[in-house]
């Protein structure tokens, strides 16, 4: 057996070092875009307060959550595994520091860069990996998803792991990698109910792996591991099963009620819904919300379709299979979401909109990397036209995303503003650090919880016991979100709040705008007339 020439060995070693340096550079870039000022980067609202309350109760009191966060499309919940994954970070500070949890999510976002880099590189080489990693590192959507507490924000990493595990199983022929794919898929499905869309995408490659095995023993090995992977998925739903048995199947009934009822966006014609959903799935990780950059979104969609069509018949069998798998996966995602989440046909400005399809983001970035790598290899008449075009495209993507990167401080002030609001409420009620009397919290609209201020108050010692049943003679705190003015039926900042507390015999003690459009009103028992 002859060894490689020394010169070739040195070149390979230098190439590997250059690749690792490129990966390190991507991770540093991703960290610089996500970590500085992290405490105030992300929004702080009802969802974040709710999650921190659940985590605090979990790590302090040992109350194990059986359900995850409530969904926005019905009265059922996401998976409890989301809380289990964040519990170690919350435990470090007794559940009192949102920064610890946010940091975990940010690190997951950085980790997604590394996994996406590896997946694209393993398909089409170092340049494809570099571009795919760069795309997710600088993506304004990916940066935003890494900087606040929310269940879909772990999906970029988990979906990338699922795709990478499946691809590794396919390319190496080692069935054990399907277990990693199952773990990633499980986390994705638990972090968002619509993450189930990823399951058929992973399963499709698994079935193809089984079918290509000529040896019956090898085929049985893949099937056996596939069954073990399915067991992992099912095992994650044990908490849900416990909840169902003990609550008369409340989640199943809520899901069936949602499916049977009228759903927002379902009135739109199916082709129209599909067009909007497909545009959102593809354009979101590239250019952000379509209402903020419709033309850029259309160009992004056209570019992705062009890449898939171009590389559908790539000379490399590895790249050809990967492009078909990912391209069909994106198409399936849009088709499934068109039916399962028709509300995606409507964009609600001011609310997070594109978390439904976060599982598709790694597929998008890998396709971009494959397209850039192929373009860079294009040398008509020996001229490096392709590499120049690829570099120009990357530069445009960087400049565009830099123009829409989320601000250094969230528009609502983030957690520091939430904490300040809690302190002001305490001062207004006159409690200081004394947890009595306990103010009664209200939220307008009623379907939005007051947990954004409940959590900072809990940290200060309030609500150690249940709120009193009799609301008269008690302090009242009303949170009112002007974004939902139509649902409330009156304006925040006075009319809506005063109407709510009118029966309780209280007088206004303080009112302030805790964040743009979010008003907090504090009412105290009215003094009796002399």
Foldseek 3Di string as FASTA:
>chain_A
DDDDDPVVVVVVVVVVVVLVVLLVVLLVLLCVLAPPLLQFQAAFFQQQLVLLVQLLCCLQVVPQDLFADADPLWRAGFFSVLSVVQNVQCNVPSSQDQVSSLQVLSVLLSLLLVLLLVQLCVQQHSQLSSQLSNLSSLFLLSSRLSRHDALLSNLSNLLSQLVSLLLCCLVVVDLLSNLSNLRSLLSQCRSDVLSVLCVVLSVVSLVVSLVVDPDPVSSVVNVVSVVVSVVVNVVSNPSVVVVCVVPVHVNVVTVVVSVPDDGPQPVDDLVLLLVLLLLCLQQCRQQRDCVVPVPSSVVRSVVLVVLLVVLCPPPDPSSNVLSVSLVVSSSSSSNVCVPVPSNLSDDQPPDDRRSSNSSSNSSNSSSLSSSLSVQQPDQVVNHRPSPVVSVVVSVVSNVSSVVVRRDSGHQLRHLVLLLVVLVVLCVLQVQQLNQPPAAAEAEPVRVRDRSSNVSSNVVSPYCPDPHDPQNAQHKYKYKYAQSPCVSQVHAPPPDSVCVVCVVRQWDWRDKDASGVRIIMTITGHDDDDD
